């Protein structure tokens, strides 16, 4: 079974099932969870995260509905072979739109929102001189 590392932030304001779904979707899109990779059982993931089994079951149903995973009795839930998955750029734009909407709902301006992204960016990827550096980044 592939190591699925999912974190649920109870303070985020985003439903736990949605947080799990989004993280697994990103792992599949990035290749961190390749086709055929087995996900933990519903009970196991629920236990690991301290959530109700129904919450994780909803995530797996949603992932099946979008053809990202397949569930079979003998093999459990596995990452499906790619059909027509959105590319990384499409996923990034969708997340950016969601973040922009959230920032607007909070009443913050674009500069504050961009600074929040810079602060959250891992490592030195935003450092000046890196290939994807944003002008004016720290």
C-alpha atoms as a PDB file:
ATOM      1  CA  UNK A   1       0.000   0.000   0.000  1.00  0.00           C
ATOM      2  CA  UNK A   2       1.305   3.433  -0.928  1.00  0.00           C
ATOM      3  CA  UNK A   3       1.939   5.860   1.942  1.00  0.00           C
ATOM      4  CA  UNK A   4      -0.923   8.334   1.748  1.00  0.00           C
ATOM      5  CA  UNK A   5      -0.120  11.312   3.933  1.00  0.00           C
ATOM      6  CA  UNK A   6      -3.188  13.430   4.514  1.00  0.00           C
ATOM      7  CA  UNK A   7      -3.645  16.172   7.076  1.00  0.00           C
ATOM      8  CA  UNK A   8      -6.965  17.619   8.206  1.00  0.00           C
ATOM      9  CA  UNK A   9      -6.987  21.113   9.683  1.00  0.00           C
ATOM     10  CA  UNK A  10     -10.066  21.512  11.885  1.00  0.00           C
ATOM     11  CA  UNK A  11      -9.487  25.281  11.998  1.00  0.00           C
ATOM     12  CA  UNK A  12      -9.403  25.856   8.229  1.00  0.00           C
ATOM     13  CA  UNK A  13     -13.127  26.302   7.683  1.00  0.00           C
ATOM     14  CA  UNK A  14     -13.016  23.724   4.861  1.00  0.00           C
ATOM     15  CA  UNK A  15     -14.978  20.528   5.413  1.00  0.00           C
ATOM     16  CA  UNK A  16     -12.720  17.603   6.378  1.00  0.00           C
ATOM     17  CA  UNK A  17     -13.967  15.430   3.494  1.00  0.00           C
ATOM     18  CA  UNK A  18     -13.061  18.225   1.051  1.00  0.00           C
ATOM     19  CA  UNK A  19      -9.579  18.631   2.531  1.00  0.00           C
ATOM     20  CA  UNK A  20      -8.938  14.899   2.133  1.00  0.00           C
ATOM     21  CA  UNK A  21     -10.376  14.833  -1.399  1.00  0.00           C
ATOM     22  CA  UNK A  22      -8.263  17.804  -2.507  1.00  0.00           C
ATOM     23  CA  UNK A  23      -5.047  16.335  -1.094  1.00  0.00           C
ATOM     24  CA  UNK A  24      -5.580  12.918  -2.679  1.00  0.00           C
ATOM     25  CA  UNK A  25      -6.574  14.540  -5.986  1.00  0.00           C
ATOM     26  CA  UNK A  26      -3.314  16.537  -5.963  1.00  0.00           C
ATOM     27  CA  UNK A  27      -1.273  13.414  -5.133  1.00  0.00           C
ATOM     28  CA  UNK A  28      -2.834  11.624  -8.100  1.00  0.00           C
ATOM     29  CA  UNK A  29      -2.382  14.588 -10.469  1.00  0.00           C
ATOM     30  CA  UNK A  30       1.270  15.033  -9.472  1.00  0.00           C
ATOM     31  CA  UNK A  31       2.059  11.337  -9.833  1.00  0.00           C
ATOM     32  CA  UNK A  32       2.826  10.911  -6.128  1.00  0.00           C
ATOM     33  CA  UNK A  33       0.031   8.311  -6.237  1.00  0.00           C
ATOM     34  CA  UNK A  34       0.531   6.488  -9.552  1.00  0.00           C
ATOM     35  CA  UNK A  35      -2.094   4.327 -11.285  1.00  0.00           C
ATOM     36  CA  UNK A  36      -2.564   1.091  -9.381  1.00  0.00           C
ATOM     37  CA  UNK A  37      -1.446   2.565  -6.051  1.00  0.00           C
ATOM     38  CA  UNK A  38      -3.619   1.238  -3.265  1.00  0.00           C
ATOM     39  CA  UNK A  39      -5.277   3.662  -0.865  1.00  0.00           C
ATOM     40  CA  UNK A  40      -5.780   2.783   2.792  1.00  0.00           C
ATOM     41  CA  UNK A  41      -9.090   1.214   3.730  1.00  0.00           C
ATOM     42  CA  UNK A  42     -11.862   3.595   4.718  1.00  0.00           C
ATOM     43  CA  UNK A  43     -11.697   2.422   8.322  1.00  0.00           C
ATOM     44  CA  UNK A  44      -7.916   2.734   8.483  1.00  0.00           C
ATOM     45  CA  UNK A  45      -7.784   6.273   7.059  1.00  0.00           C
ATOM     46  CA  UNK A  46     -10.680   7.362   9.272  1.00  0.00           C
ATOM     47  CA  UNK A  47      -8.901   5.937  12.321  1.00  0.00           C
ATOM     48  CA  UNK A  48      -5.592   7.581  11.336  1.00  0.00           C
ATOM     49  CA  UNK A  49      -7.285  10.974  10.957  1.00  0.00           C
ATOM     50  CA  UNK A  50      -9.655  10.649  13.921  1.00  0.00           C
ATOM     51  CA  UNK A  51     -12.714  11.029  11.690  1.00  0.00           C
ATOM     52  CA  UNK A  52     -15.924   9.082  11.154  1.00  0.00           C
ATOM     53  CA  UNK A  53     -15.751   6.320   8.554  1.00  0.00           C
ATOM     54  CA  UNK A  54     -18.619   7.998   6.705  1.00  0.00           C
ATOM     55  CA  UNK A  55     -16.451  11.058   6.079  1.00  0.00           C
ATOM     56  CA  UNK A  56     -13.735   9.008   4.383  1.00  0.00           C
ATOM     57  CA  UNK A  57     -16.358   6.929   2.546  1.00  0.00           C
ATOM     58  CA  UNK A  58     -17.691  10.145   1.027  1.00  0.00           C
ATOM     59  CA  UNK A  59     -14.198  11.065  -0.169  1.00  0.00           C
ATOM     60  CA  UNK A  60     -13.741   7.684  -1.833  1.00  0.00           C
ATOM     61  CA  UNK A  61     -17.197   7.922  -3.463  1.00  0.00           C
ATOM     62  CA  UNK A  62     -16.353  11.376  -4.839  1.00  0.00           C
ATOM     63  CA  UNK A  63     -12.991  10.120  -6.124  1.00  0.00           C
ATOM     64  CA  UNK A  64     -14.764   7.217  -7.834  1.00  0.00           C
ATOM     65  CA  UNK A  65     -17.339   9.561  -9.363  1.00  0.00           C
ATOM     66  CA  UNK A  66     -14.542  11.581 -10.950  1.00  0.00           C
ATOM     67  CA  UNK A  67     -12.834   8.348 -12.140  1.00  0.00           C
ATOM     68  CA  UNK A  68      -9.694   9.011 -10.115  1.00  0.00           C
ATOM     69  CA  UNK A  69      -9.978   5.724  -8.192  1.00  0.00           C
ATOM     70  CA  UNK A  70     -11.633   2.339  -8.576  1.00  0.00           C
ATOM     71  CA  UNK A  71     -12.839   0.102  -5.785  1.00  0.00           C
ATOM     72  CA  UNK A  72     -12.998  -3.670  -5.947  1.00  0.00           C
ATOM     73  CA  UNK A  73     -13.635  -6.212  -3.204  1.00  0.00           C
ATOM     74  CA  UNK A  74     -10.391  -8.098  -3.659  1.00  0.00           C
ATOM     75  CA  UNK A  75      -8.012  -5.207  -4.245  1.00  0.00           C
ATOM     76  CA  UNK A  76      -9.587  -2.372  -2.268  1.00  0.00           C
ATOM     77  CA  UNK A  77      -9.448   1.189  -3.559  1.00  0.00           C
ATOM     78  CA  UNK A  78      -6.716   1.897  -6.103  1.00  0.00           C
ATOM     79  CA  UNK A  79      -5.745   4.846  -8.272  1.00  0.00           C
ATOM     80  CA  UNK A  80      -7.356   4.420 -11.681  1.00  0.00           C
ATOM     81  CA  UNK A  81      -5.524   4.490 -14.981  1.00  0.00           C
ATOM     82  CA  UNK A  82      -5.694   8.019 -16.416  1.00  0.00           C
ATOM     83  CA  UNK A  83      -8.652   8.675 -18.647  1.00  0.00           C
ATOM     84  CA  UNK A  84      -8.857  12.367 -19.328  1.00  0.00           C
ATOM     85  CA  UNK A  85      -7.594  14.047 -16.217  1.00  0.00           C
ATOM     86  CA  UNK A  86      -7.141  17.799 -16.062  1.00  0.00           C
ATOM     87  CA  UNK A  87      -3.572  18.918 -16.526  1.00  0.00           C
ATOM     88  CA  UNK A  88      -1.571  20.544 -13.766  1.00  0.00           C
ATOM     89  CA  UNK A  89      -2.138  24.031 -15.140  1.00  0.00           C
ATOM     90  CA  UNK A  90      -5.914  23.528 -15.111  1.00  0.00           C
ATOM     91  CA  UNK A  91      -5.746  22.285 -11.516  1.00  0.00           C
ATOM     92  CA  UNK A  92      -3.576  25.227 -10.521  1.00  0.00           C
ATOM     93  CA  UNK A  93      -5.975  27.722 -12.103  1.00  0.00           C
ATOM     94  CA  UNK A  94      -8.934  26.113 -10.344  1.00  0.00           C
ATOM     95  CA  UNK A  95      -7.174  26.297  -6.970  1.00  0.00           C
ATOM     96  CA  UNK A  96      -6.086  29.890  -7.652  1.00  0.00           C
ATOM     97  CA  UNK A  97      -9.684  30.845  -8.425  1.00  0.00           C
ATOM     98  CA  UNK A  98     -10.845  29.187  -5.205  1.00  0.00           C
ATOM     99  CA  UNK A  99      -8.116  30.964  -3.197  1.00  0.00           C
ATOM    100  CA  UNK A 100      -8.908  34.319  -4.828  1.00  0.00           C
ATOM    101  CA  UNK A 101     -12.577  33.909  -3.942  1.00  0.00           C
ATOM    102  CA  UNK A 102     -11.666  33.064  -0.357  1.00  0.00           C
ATOM    103  CA  UNK A 103      -9.354  36.096  -0.140  1.00  0.00           C
ATOM    104  CA  UNK A 104     -12.143  38.333  -1.470  1.00  0.00           C
ATOM    105  CA  UNK A 105     -14.569  36.868   1.073  1.00  0.00           C
ATOM    106  CA  UNK A 106     -12.074  37.780   3.794  1.00  0.00           C
ATOM    107  CA  UNK A 107     -11.887  41.302   2.416  1.00  0.00           C
ATOM    108  CA  UNK A 108      -8.152  41.294   1.743  1.00  0.00           C
ATOM    109  CA  UNK A 109      -6.500  42.842  -1.266  1.00  0.00           C
ATOM    110  CA  UNK A 110      -4.478  41.160  -3.988  1.00  0.00           C
ATOM    111  CA  UNK A 111      -1.142  42.213  -2.457  1.00  0.00           C
ATOM    112  CA  UNK A 112      -2.053  40.618   0.876  1.00  0.00           C
ATOM    113  CA  UNK A 113      -3.228  37.452  -0.910  1.00  0.00           C
ATOM    114  CA  UNK A 114      -0.013  37.212  -2.933  1.00  0.00           C
ATOM    115  CA  UNK A 115       2.059  37.734   0.206  1.00  0.00           C
ATOM    116  CA  UNK A 116       0.136  34.875   1.852  1.00  0.00           C
ATOM    117  CA  UNK A 117       1.126  32.612  -1.066  1.00  0.00           C
ATOM    118  CA  UNK A 118       4.754  33.714  -0.813  1.00  0.00           C
ATOM    119  CA  UNK A 119       4.769  33.028   2.916  1.00  0.00           C
ATOM    120  CA  UNK A 120       3.223  29.578   2.450  1.00  0.00           C
ATOM    121  CA  UNK A 121       5.468  28.576  -0.465  1.00  0.00           C
ATOM    122  CA  UNK A 122       7.787  25.707   0.543  1.00  0.00           C
ATOM    123  CA  UNK A 123      11.550  26.071   0.609  1.00  0.00           C
ATOM    124  CA  UNK A 124      13.501  28.438  -1.587  1.00  0.00           C
ATOM    125  CA  UNK A 125      11.355  27.958  -4.679  1.00  0.00           C
ATOM    126  CA  UNK A 126      10.266  31.577  -4.555  1.00  0.00           C
ATOM    127  CA  UNK A 127      13.777  32.900  -4.055  1.00  0.00           C
ATOM    128  CA  UNK A 128      14.968  35.354  -6.690  1.00  0.00           C
ATOM    129  CA  UNK A 129      16.779  33.497  -9.446  1.00  0.00           C
ATOM    130  CA  UNK A 130      14.742  30.301  -9.185  1.00  0.00           C
ATOM    131  CA  UNK A 131      13.127  29.320 -12.505  1.00  0.00           C
ATOM    132  CA  UNK A 132       9.599  30.129 -11.343  1.00  0.00           C
ATOM    133  CA  UNK A 133      10.481  33.090  -9.156  1.00  0.00           C
ATOM    134  CA  UNK A 134       7.867  35.790  -8.967  1.00  0.00           C
ATOM    135  CA  UNK A 135       9.214  39.305  -9.455  1.00  0.00           C
ATOM    136  CA  UNK A 136       9.509  40.997  -6.094  1.00  0.00           C
ATOM    137  CA  UNK A 137       9.574  37.718  -4.163  1.00  0.00           C
ATOM    138  CA  UNK A 138      11.650  37.523  -1.037  1.00  0.00           C
END
